[in-house]
C-alpha atoms as a PDB file:
ATOM      1  CA  MET A   1     -10.532 -29.003   3.392  1.00  0.00           C
ATOM      2  CA  ILE A   2     -12.998 -27.281   5.608  1.00  0.00           C
ATOM      3  CA  ARG A   3     -15.333 -24.253   5.396  1.00  0.00           C
ATOM      4  CA  ALA A   4     -15.567 -21.634   8.135  1.00  0.00           C
ATOM      5  CA  LYS A   5     -18.536 -19.296   8.443  1.00  0.00           C
ATOM      6  CA  ILE A   6     -17.151 -16.286  10.373  1.00  0.00           C
ATOM      7  CA  ILE A   7     -19.196 -13.460  11.842  1.00  0.00           C
ATOM      8  CA  VAL A   8     -17.090 -10.468  12.831  1.00  0.00           C
ATOM      9  CA  LYS A   9     -18.444  -7.525  15.035  1.00  0.00           C
ATOM     10  CA  GLY A  10     -16.976  -4.215  15.921  1.00  0.00           C
ATOM     11  CA  LYS A  11     -15.780  -1.260  13.984  1.00  0.00           C
ATOM     12  CA  VAL A  12     -15.473  -3.258  10.688  1.00  0.00           C
ATOM     13  CA  GLN A  13     -17.550  -1.440   7.932  1.00  0.00           C
ATOM     14  CA  ARG A  14     -16.334   1.477   5.888  1.00  0.00           C
ATOM     15  CA  VAL A  15     -12.830   1.084   7.339  1.00  0.00           C
ATOM     16  CA  ARG A  16     -11.306  -1.069   4.690  1.00  0.00           C
ATOM     17  CA  TYR A  17     -11.664  -4.205   6.870  1.00  0.00           C
ATOM     18  CA  ARG A  18     -12.823  -6.493   4.014  1.00  0.00           C
ATOM     19  CA  SER A  19      -9.884  -5.410   1.846  1.00  0.00           C
ATOM     20  CA  LYS A  20      -7.486  -6.271   4.648  1.00  0.00           C
ATOM     21  CA  VAL A  21      -9.196  -9.617   5.010  1.00  0.00           C
ATOM     22  CA  LYS A  22      -8.870 -10.268   1.245  1.00  0.00           C
ATOM     23  CA  GLU A  23      -5.193  -9.369   1.352  1.00  0.00           C
ATOM     24  CA  ILE A  24      -4.621 -11.855   4.157  1.00  0.00           C
ATOM     25  CA  ALA A  25      -6.660 -14.543   2.426  1.00  0.00           C
ATOM     26  CA  ASP A  26      -4.840 -14.063  -0.903  1.00  0.00           C
ATOM     27  CA  ASN A  27      -1.484 -14.385   0.861  1.00  0.00           C
ATOM     28  CA  MET A  28      -2.544 -17.530   2.600  1.00  0.00           C
ATOM     29  CA  GLY A  29      -4.155 -19.226  -0.442  1.00  0.00           C
ATOM     30  CA  ILE A  30      -7.594 -19.166   1.122  1.00  0.00           C
ATOM     31  CA  VAL A  31     -10.720 -18.803  -1.053  1.00  0.00           C
ATOM     32  CA  GLY A  32     -14.207 -17.481  -0.158  1.00  0.00           C
ATOM     33  CA  GLU A  33     -15.847 -14.152   0.303  1.00  0.00           C
ATOM     34  CA  ALA A  34     -16.466 -11.223   2.684  1.00  0.00           C
ATOM     35  CA  GLU A  35     -19.806  -9.395   2.881  1.00  0.00           C
ATOM     36  CA  ASN A  36     -21.064  -6.415   4.970  1.00  0.00           C
ATOM     37  CA  LEU A  37     -24.371  -7.198   6.900  1.00  0.00           C
ATOM     38  CA  LYS A  38     -27.030  -4.748   7.700  1.00  0.00           C
ATOM     39  CA  ASP A  39     -26.233  -5.042  11.475  1.00  0.00           C
ATOM     40  CA  ASN A  40     -22.831  -3.492  10.772  1.00  0.00           C
ATOM     41  CA  SER A  41     -21.008  -6.872  11.134  1.00  0.00           C
ATOM     42  CA  VAL A  42     -19.130  -8.720   8.432  1.00  0.00           C
ATOM     43  CA  LEU A  43     -19.798 -12.234   7.187  1.00  0.00           C
ATOM     44  CA  ILE A  44     -16.787 -14.047   6.040  1.00  0.00           C
ATOM     45  CA  ILE A  45     -16.862 -17.491   4.255  1.00  0.00           C
ATOM     46  CA  ALA A  46     -13.392 -19.080   4.017  1.00  0.00           C
ATOM     47  CA  GLU A  47     -12.336 -22.466   2.575  1.00  0.00           C
ATOM     48  CA  GLY A  48      -8.976 -24.134   3.024  1.00  0.00           C
ATOM     49  CA  GLU A  49      -6.838 -26.491   5.118  1.00  0.00           C
ATOM     50  CA  LYS A  50      -7.985 -26.578   8.739  1.00  0.00           C
ATOM     51  CA  LYS A  51      -4.578 -25.371  10.131  1.00  0.00           C
ATOM     52  CA  VAL A  52      -4.527 -22.518   7.565  1.00  0.00           C
ATOM     53  CA  ILE A  53      -8.033 -21.532   8.395  1.00  0.00           C
ATOM     54  CA  ASN A  54      -7.265 -21.363  12.128  1.00  0.00           C
ATOM     55  CA  ASP A  55      -4.284 -19.200  11.481  1.00  0.00           C
ATOM     56  CA  PHE A  56      -6.460 -17.046   9.131  1.00  0.00           C
ATOM     57  CA  ILE A  57      -9.093 -16.450  11.907  1.00  0.00           C
ATOM     58  CA  ASN A  58      -6.375 -15.243  14.298  1.00  0.00           C
ATOM     59  CA  ARG A  59      -4.939 -12.829  11.714  1.00  0.00           C
ATOM     60  CA  ILE A  60      -8.322 -11.164  10.910  1.00  0.00           C
ATOM     61  CA  LYS A  61      -8.762  -9.977  14.500  1.00  0.00           C
ATOM     62  CA  ILE A  62      -7.446  -6.536  13.420  1.00  0.00           C
ATOM     63  CA  LYS A  63      -7.069  -3.569  15.687  1.00  0.00           C
ATOM     64  CA  ASN A  64      -5.574  -0.326  14.338  1.00  0.00           C
ATOM     65  CA  ARG A  65      -6.374   3.317  13.931  1.00  0.00           C
ATOM     66  CA  LEU A  66      -9.428   2.573  11.885  1.00  0.00           C
ATOM     67  CA  ILE A  67     -10.318  -1.040  12.428  1.00  0.00           C
ATOM     68  CA  ASP A  68     -11.465  -2.415  15.844  1.00  0.00           C
ATOM     69  CA  VAL A  69     -12.540  -6.141  15.881  1.00  0.00           C
ATOM     70  CA  GLN A  70     -14.506  -6.709  19.068  1.00  0.00           C
ATOM     71  CA  ASP A  71     -15.979 -10.169  18.486  1.00  0.00           C
ATOM     72  CA  VAL A  72     -15.371 -13.197  16.131  1.00  0.00           C
ATOM     73  CA  SER A  73     -17.765 -16.190  16.025  1.00  0.00           C
ATOM     74  CA  VAL A  74     -17.013 -19.279  13.873  1.00  0.00           C
ATOM     75  CA  ASP A  75     -19.027 -22.250  12.602  1.00  0.00           C
ATOM     76  CA  PHE A  76     -17.102 -25.067  10.823  1.00  0.00           C
ATOM     77  CA  GLU A  77     -18.547 -27.314   8.075  1.00  0.00           C
ATOM     78  CA  ASP A  78     -17.283 -29.257   5.037  1.00  0.00           C
ATOM     79  CA  ALA A  79     -15.996 -27.250   2.214  1.00  0.00           C
ATOM     80  CA  THR A  80     -18.102 -27.067  -1.040  1.00  0.00           C
ATOM     81  CA  GLY A  81     -15.332 -26.106  -3.443  1.00  0.00           C
ATOM     82  CA  GLU A  82     -17.705 -23.407  -5.023  1.00  0.00           C
ATOM     83  CA  PHE A  83     -14.938 -20.725  -4.726  1.00  0.00           C
ATOM     84  CA  THR A  84     -11.875 -20.226  -6.953  1.00  0.00           C
ATOM     85  CA  LYS A  85     -10.693 -17.087  -5.243  1.00  0.00           C
ATOM     86  CA  PHE A  86     -11.445 -14.750  -2.325  1.00  0.00           C
ATOM     87  CA  LYS A  87     -13.687 -11.740  -3.217  1.00  0.00           C
ATOM     88  CA  LYS A  88     -15.559  -8.903  -1.612  1.00  0.00           C
ATOM     89  CA  VAL A  89     -19.330  -9.084  -1.891  1.00  0.00           C
ATOM     90  CA  ILE A  90     -20.951  -5.627  -2.668  1.00  0.00           C
ATOM     91  CA  SER A  91     -24.848  -5.566  -2.952  1.00  0.00           C
ATOM     92  CA  GLY A  92     -27.369  -2.879  -3.498  1.00  0.00           C
ATOM     93  CA  THR A  93     -27.295   0.259  -5.658  1.00  0.00           C
ATOM     94  CA  MET A  94     -24.320   1.846  -3.923  1.00  0.00           C
ATOM     95  CA  LEU A  95     -21.598  -0.470  -5.128  1.00  0.00           C
ATOM     96  CA  ASP A  96     -19.496   2.403  -6.594  1.00  0.00           C
ATOM     97  CA  VAL A  97     -19.904   4.564  -3.439  1.00  0.00           C
ATOM     98  CA  ALA A  98     -18.894   1.578  -1.285  1.00  0.00           C
ATOM     99  CA  GLU A  99     -15.834   0.945  -3.279  1.00  0.00           C
ATOM    100  CA  ARG A 100     -14.835   4.667  -3.023  1.00  0.00           C
ATOM    101  CA  MET A 101     -15.340   4.570   0.736  1.00  0.00           C
ATOM    102  CA  ASP A 102     -12.918   1.586   0.948  1.00  0.00           C
ATOM    103  CA  ASP A 103     -10.416   3.546  -1.281  1.00  0.00           C
ATOM    104  CA  ALA A 104     -10.914   6.659   1.074  1.00  0.00           C
ATOM    105  CA  ALA A 105     -10.203   4.594   4.128  1.00  0.00           C
ATOM    106  CA  ASP A 106      -7.056   3.088   2.517  1.00  0.00           C
ATOM    107  CA  HIS A 107      -5.832   6.647   1.824  1.00  0.00           C
ATOM    108  CA  LEU A 108      -6.584   7.786   5.278  1.00  0.00           C
ATOM    109  CA  GLU A 109      -4.725   4.816   6.685  1.00  0.00           C
ATOM    110  CA  LYS A 110      -1.704   5.836   4.690  1.00  0.00           C
ATOM    111  CA  LEU A 111      -1.975   9.383   5.743  1.00  0.00           C
ATOM    112  CA  ILE A 112      -2.170   8.339   9.453  1.00  0.00           C
ATOM    113  CA  ARG A 113       1.042   6.342   8.963  1.00  0.00           C
ATOM    114  CA  VAL A 114       2.772   9.445   7.496  1.00  0.00           C
ATOM    115  CA  VAL A 115       1.558  11.479  10.506  1.00  0.00           C
ATOM    116  CA  GLU A 116       2.812   8.801  12.928  1.00  0.00           C
ATOM    117  CA  ASN A 117       6.160   8.702  11.185  1.00  0.00           C
ATOM    118  CA  GLY A 118       6.283  12.478  11.195  1.00  0.00           C
ATOM    119  CA  ASN A 119       5.725  12.365  14.980  1.00  0.00           C
ATOM    120  CA  LYS A 120       8.437   9.773  15.503  1.00  0.00           C
ATOM    121  CA  LYS A 121      10.858  12.004  13.524  1.00  0.00           C
ATOM    122  CA  THR A 122       9.769  15.027  15.592  1.00  0.00           C
ATOM    123  CA  GLU A 123      10.395  13.123  18.753  1.00  0.00           C
ATOM    124  CA  GLY A 124      13.805  12.168  17.456  1.00  0.00           C
ATOM    125  CA  VAL A 125      14.649  15.795  16.873  1.00  0.00           C
ATOM    126  CA  GLY A 126      13.522  16.597  20.361  1.00  0.00           C
ATOM    127  CA  GLU A 127      15.801  14.028  21.761  1.00  0.00           C
ATOM    128  CA  LYS A 128      18.741  15.472  19.770  1.00  0.00           C
ATOM    129  CA  VAL A 129      17.925  19.002  21.050  1.00  0.00           C
ATOM    130  CA  ASP A 130      17.861  17.574  24.704  1.00  0.00           C
ATOM    131  CA  ASN A 131      21.198  15.879  24.257  1.00  0.00           C
ATOM    132  CA  LEU A 132      22.723  19.049  22.656  1.00  0.00           C
ATOM    133  CA  THR A 133      21.352  21.143  25.521  1.00  0.00           C
ATOM    134  CA  THR A 134      22.840  18.775  28.134  1.00  0.00           C
ATOM    135  CA  GLN A 135      26.262  18.690  26.340  1.00  0.00           C
ATOM    136  CA  THR A 136      26.182  22.511  26.061  1.00  0.00           C
ATOM    137  CA  ASN A 137      25.430  22.846  29.740  1.00  0.00           C
ATOM    138  CA  GLN A 138      28.271  20.529  30.584  1.00  0.00           C
ATOM    139  CA  ASN A 139      30.652  22.455  28.336  1.00  0.00           C
ATOM    140  CA  PHE A 140      29.753  25.658  30.133  1.00  0.00           C
ATOM    141  CA  LYS A 141      30.228  24.048  33.549  1.00  0.00           C
ATOM    142  CA  ASP A 142      33.715  22.971  32.465  1.00  0.00           C
ATOM    143  CA  LEU A 143      34.368  26.406  31.103  1.00  0.00           C
ATOM    144  CA  LYS A 144      33.271  28.048  34.447  1.00  0.00           C
ATOM    145  CA  GLY A 145      35.498  25.590  36.246  1.00  0.00           C
ATOM    146  CA  SER A 146      38.423  26.520  34.260  1.00  0.00           C
ATOM    147  CA  VAL A 147      37.841  30.207  34.782  1.00  0.00           C
ATOM    148  CA  ASN A 148      37.508  29.576  38.563  1.00  0.00           C
ATOM    149  CA  SER A 149      40.808  27.749  38.477  1.00  0.00           C
ATOM    150  CA  VAL A 150      42.429  30.634  36.764  1.00  0.00           C
ATOM    151  CA  GLY A 151      41.023  32.971  39.409  1.00  0.00           C
ATOM    152  CA  GLU A 152      42.331  30.799  42.201  1.00  0.00           C
ATOM    153  CA  LYS A 153      45.822  30.702  40.608  1.00  0.00           C
ATOM    154  CA  VAL A 154      45.800  34.535  40.324  1.00  0.00           C
ATOM    155  CA  ASP A 155      44.812  34.813  43.923  1.00  0.00           C
ATOM    156  CA  ASN A 156      47.644  32.543  44.935  1.00  0.00           C
ATOM    157  CA  LEU A 157      50.069  34.350  42.861  1.00  0.00           C
ATOM    158  CA  THR A 158      48.987  37.701  44.301  1.00  0.00           C
ATOM    159  CA  THR A 159      49.444  36.424  47.896  1.00  0.00           C
ATOM    160  CA  GLN A 160      52.893  35.104  47.078  1.00  0.00           C
ATOM    161  CA  THR A 161      53.966  38.284  45.371  1.00  0.00           C
ATOM    162  CA  ASN A 162      52.697  40.362  48.224  1.00  0.00           C
ATOM    163  CA  GLN A 163      54.745  38.252  50.686  1.00  0.00           C
ATOM    164  CA  ASN A 164      57.866  38.615  48.505  1.00  0.00           C
ATOM    165  CA  PHE A 165      57.463  42.362  48.253  1.00  0.00           C
ATOM    166  CA  LYS A 166      56.948  42.667  52.014  1.00  0.00           C
ATOM    167  CA  ASP A 167      60.556  41.483  52.503  1.00  0.00           C
ATOM    168  CA  LEU A 168      61.800  44.352  50.282  1.00  0.00           C
ATOM    169  CA  LYS A 169      62.696  47.725  51.687  1.00  0.00           C
ATOM    170  CA  GLY A 170      62.875  51.351  50.715  1.00  0.00           C
ATOM    171  CA  SER A 171      62.795  52.159  47.002  1.00  0.00           C
ATOM    172  CA  VAL A 172      60.750  48.908  46.038  1.00  0.00           C
ATOM    173  CA  ASN A 173      57.595  50.068  47.937  1.00  0.00           C
ATOM    174  CA  ASN A 174      56.296  51.948  44.885  1.00  0.00           C
ATOM    175  CA  LEU A 175      56.820  48.904  42.756  1.00  0.00           C
ATOM    176  CA  THR A 176      54.879  46.705  45.199  1.00  0.00           C
ATOM    177  CA  THR A 177      51.914  49.157  45.227  1.00  0.00           C
ATOM    178  CA  GLN A 178      51.910  49.174  41.347  1.00  0.00           C
ATOM    179  CA  THR A 179      52.044  45.373  41.132  1.00  0.00           C
ATOM    180  CA  ASN A 180      49.172  44.959  43.595  1.00  0.00           C
ATOM    181  CA  GLN A 181      47.108  47.307  41.581  1.00  0.00           C
ATOM    182  CA  ASN A 182      47.783  45.297  38.349  1.00  0.00           C
ATOM    183  CA  PHE A 183      46.663  42.098  39.917  1.00  0.00           C
ATOM    184  CA  LYS A 184      43.490  43.737  41.205  1.00  0.00           C
ATOM    185  CA  ASP A 185      42.727  44.783  37.700  1.00  0.00           C
ATOM    186  CA  LEU A 186      43.374  41.332  36.513  1.00  0.00           C
ATOM    187  CA  LYS A 187      40.985  39.820  39.087  1.00  0.00           C
ATOM    188  CA  GLY A 188      38.373  42.269  37.908  1.00  0.00           C
ATOM    189  CA  SER A 189      38.888  41.149  34.312  1.00  0.00           C
ATOM    190  CA  VAL A 190      38.512  37.529  35.303  1.00  0.00           C
ATOM    191  CA  LYS A 191      35.357  38.302  37.074  1.00  0.00           C
ATOM    192  CA  GLU A 192      33.866  40.000  34.047  1.00  0.00           C
ATOM    193  CA  VAL A 193      34.789  36.971  31.913  1.00  0.00           C
ATOM    194  CA  LYS A 194      32.920  34.635  34.442  1.00  0.00           C
ATOM    195  CA  GLU A 195      29.809  36.906  34.320  1.00  0.00           C
ATOM    196  CA  SER A 196      29.924  36.882  30.484  1.00  0.00           C
ATOM    197  CA  VAL A 197      30.180  33.108  30.431  1.00  0.00           C
ATOM    198  CA  ASN A 198      27.196  32.730  32.818  1.00  0.00           C
ATOM    199  CA  GLY A 199      25.074  35.157  30.680  1.00  0.00           C
ATOM    200  CA  LEU A 200      25.919  33.216  27.617  1.00  0.00           C
ATOM    201  CA  ALA A 201      24.944  29.903  29.189  1.00  0.00           C
ATOM    202  CA  THR A 202      21.604  31.332  30.361  1.00  0.00           C
ATOM    203  CA  GLN A 203      20.809  32.688  26.872  1.00  0.00           C
ATOM    204  CA  THR A 204      21.711  29.428  25.181  1.00  0.00           C
ATOM    205  CA  ASN A 205      19.488  27.393  27.502  1.00  0.00           C
ATOM    206  CA  GLN A 206      16.587  29.790  26.683  1.00  0.00           C
ATOM    207  CA  HIS A 207      17.120  29.265  22.953  1.00  0.00           C
ATOM    208  CA  PHE A 208      17.015  25.536  23.347  1.00  0.00           C
ATOM    209  CA  THR A 209      13.869  25.764  25.477  1.00  0.00           C
ATOM    210  CA  ASP A 210      12.178  27.830  22.774  1.00  0.00           C
ATOM    211  CA  MET A 211      13.218  25.250  20.134  1.00  0.00           C
ATOM    212  CA  LYS A 212      11.793  22.396  22.165  1.00  0.00           C
ATOM    213  CA  GLY A 213       8.496  24.245  22.490  1.00  0.00           C
ATOM    214  CA  SER A 214       8.189  24.687  18.755  1.00  0.00           C
ATOM    215  CA  TYR A 215       8.685  21.017  18.090  1.00  0.00           C
ATOM    216  CA  HIS A 216       6.037  19.991  20.703  1.00  0.00           C
ATOM    217  CA  THR A 217       3.579  22.496  19.184  1.00  0.00           C
ATOM    218  CA  PHE A 218       4.126  20.959  15.796  1.00  0.00           C
ATOM    219  CA  SER A 219       3.549  17.384  17.141  1.00  0.00           C
ATOM    220  CA  GLU A 220       0.316  18.385  18.868  1.00  0.00           C
ATOM    221  CA  ARG A 221      -0.919  19.920  15.585  1.00  0.00           C
ATOM    222  CA  MET A 222      -0.224  16.812  13.551  1.00  0.00           C
ATOM    223  CA  LEU A 223      -2.105  14.671  16.239  1.00  0.00           C
ATOM    224  CA  SER A 224      -5.057  17.101  16.039  1.00  0.00           C
ATOM    225  CA  MET A 225      -5.072  16.714  12.213  1.00  0.00           C
ATOM    226  CA  GLU A 226      -5.124  12.956  12.580  1.00  0.00           C
ATOM    227  CA  GLU A 227      -8.093  13.026  14.925  1.00  0.00           C
ATOM    228  CA  LYS A 228     -10.100  15.293  12.642  1.00  0.00           C
ATOM    229  CA  LEU A 229      -9.454  13.148   9.585  1.00  0.00           C
ATOM    230  CA  THR A 230     -10.601  10.087  11.495  1.00  0.00           C
ATOM    231  CA  LYS A 231     -13.903  11.827  12.550  1.00  0.00           C
ATOM    232  CA  LEU A 232     -14.500  13.014   8.961  1.00  0.00           C
ATOM    233  CA  VAL A 233     -14.182   9.396   7.673  1.00  0.00           C
ATOM    234  CA  GLU A 234     -16.629   8.250  10.286  1.00  0.00           C
ATOM    235  CA  TYR A 235     -19.086  11.027   9.365  1.00  0.00           C
ATOM    236  CA  ILE A 236     -18.932  10.297   5.653  1.00  0.00           C
ATOM    237  CA  GLY A 237     -19.529   6.647   6.543  1.00  0.00           C
ATOM    238  CA  MET A 238     -22.617   7.565   8.474  1.00  0.00           C
ATOM    239  CA  LEU A 239     -24.102   9.615   5.530  1.00  0.00           C
ATOM    240  CA  VAL A 240     -23.312   6.753   3.099  1.00  0.00           C
ATOM    241  CA  LYS A 241     -25.082   4.227   5.373  1.00  0.00           C
ATOM    242  CA  ASN A 242     -28.159   6.485   5.847  1.00  0.00           C
ATOM    243  CA  HIS A 243     -28.302   6.965   2.091  1.00  0.00           C
ATOM    244  CA  ILE A 244     -28.042   3.228   1.455  1.00  0.00           C
ATOM    245  CA  GLU A 245     -30.839   2.555   3.995  1.00  0.00           C
ATOM    246  CA  LYS A 246     -33.055   5.228   2.220  1.00  0.00           C
ATOM    247  CA  GLU A 247     -32.437   3.661  -1.225  1.00  0.00           C
ATOM    248  CA  GLU A 248     -33.396   0.311   0.225  1.00  0.00           C
ATOM    249  CA  LYS A 249     -36.709   1.568   1.731  1.00  0.00           C
ATOM    250  CA  GLU A 250     -37.613   3.315  -1.481  1.00  0.00           C
ATOM    251  CA  ARG A 251     -36.849   0.178  -3.527  1.00  0.00           C
ATOM    252  CA  LYS A 252     -39.040  -1.939  -1.126  1.00  0.00           C
ATOM    253  CA  THR A 253     -41.798   0.764  -1.389  1.00  0.00           C
ATOM    254  CA  ARG A 254     -41.743   0.654  -5.231  1.00  0.00           C
ATOM    255  CA  ALA A 255     -41.726  -3.135  -5.227  1.00  0.00           C
ATOM    256  CA  GLY A 256     -44.739  -3.206  -2.896  1.00  0.00           C
ATOM    257  CA  LYS A 257     -46.729  -0.792  -5.162  1.00  0.00           C
ATOM    258  CA  SER A 258     -45.880  -3.000  -8.119  1.00  0.00           C
END
């Protein structure tokens, strides 16, 4: 058994870092304590098997939305056996406030996870919209191709019919003229169908573009909310720190007068 005296620096106070360390220690069977120091670092005393302690040191180098461990220094010595479990050390007159700050950080972390999951789901919807837009465009292209093919067949049929009627004489001239007019009318109808299909394709593309814009706006708002919540927790942490320091100075002043 060995003891590790660990100093952790970075963004590690009022962000639920010690609670994370305690969870890791409890899961690994490590005993000891974690304490906030006045220089904003965290002191961790951990006792256990050497291999387990080394693994523990790697696991507490946490980086996430709230916690940012920048430096970890370790001194090893023989274990004393004074601990039976792992605990958080809270000193001073602000014990209740500090505990609530840890709880607030825990709730904020969960909220951030919800926001991130919401962003992922929003991104998934955007991908589905993109796929649907692509498929719709392809369907309209296929439809336009089919209409063009019908137009070509009509043109070929008109040409062939005209050639056949040219071979006729006399009384069939009126029939030829009437038939030609009918085919012109048919070509005009096909052209109108093509224009209607093109208009529908353009309108559908615009609808999907508007839909994608709405999802992007929603995602940006959620990210903005996440940033504001993080800043709020940091600001509350600063107020609590200032209050603790003020309480400590007043306590020392009263002790000096005594």
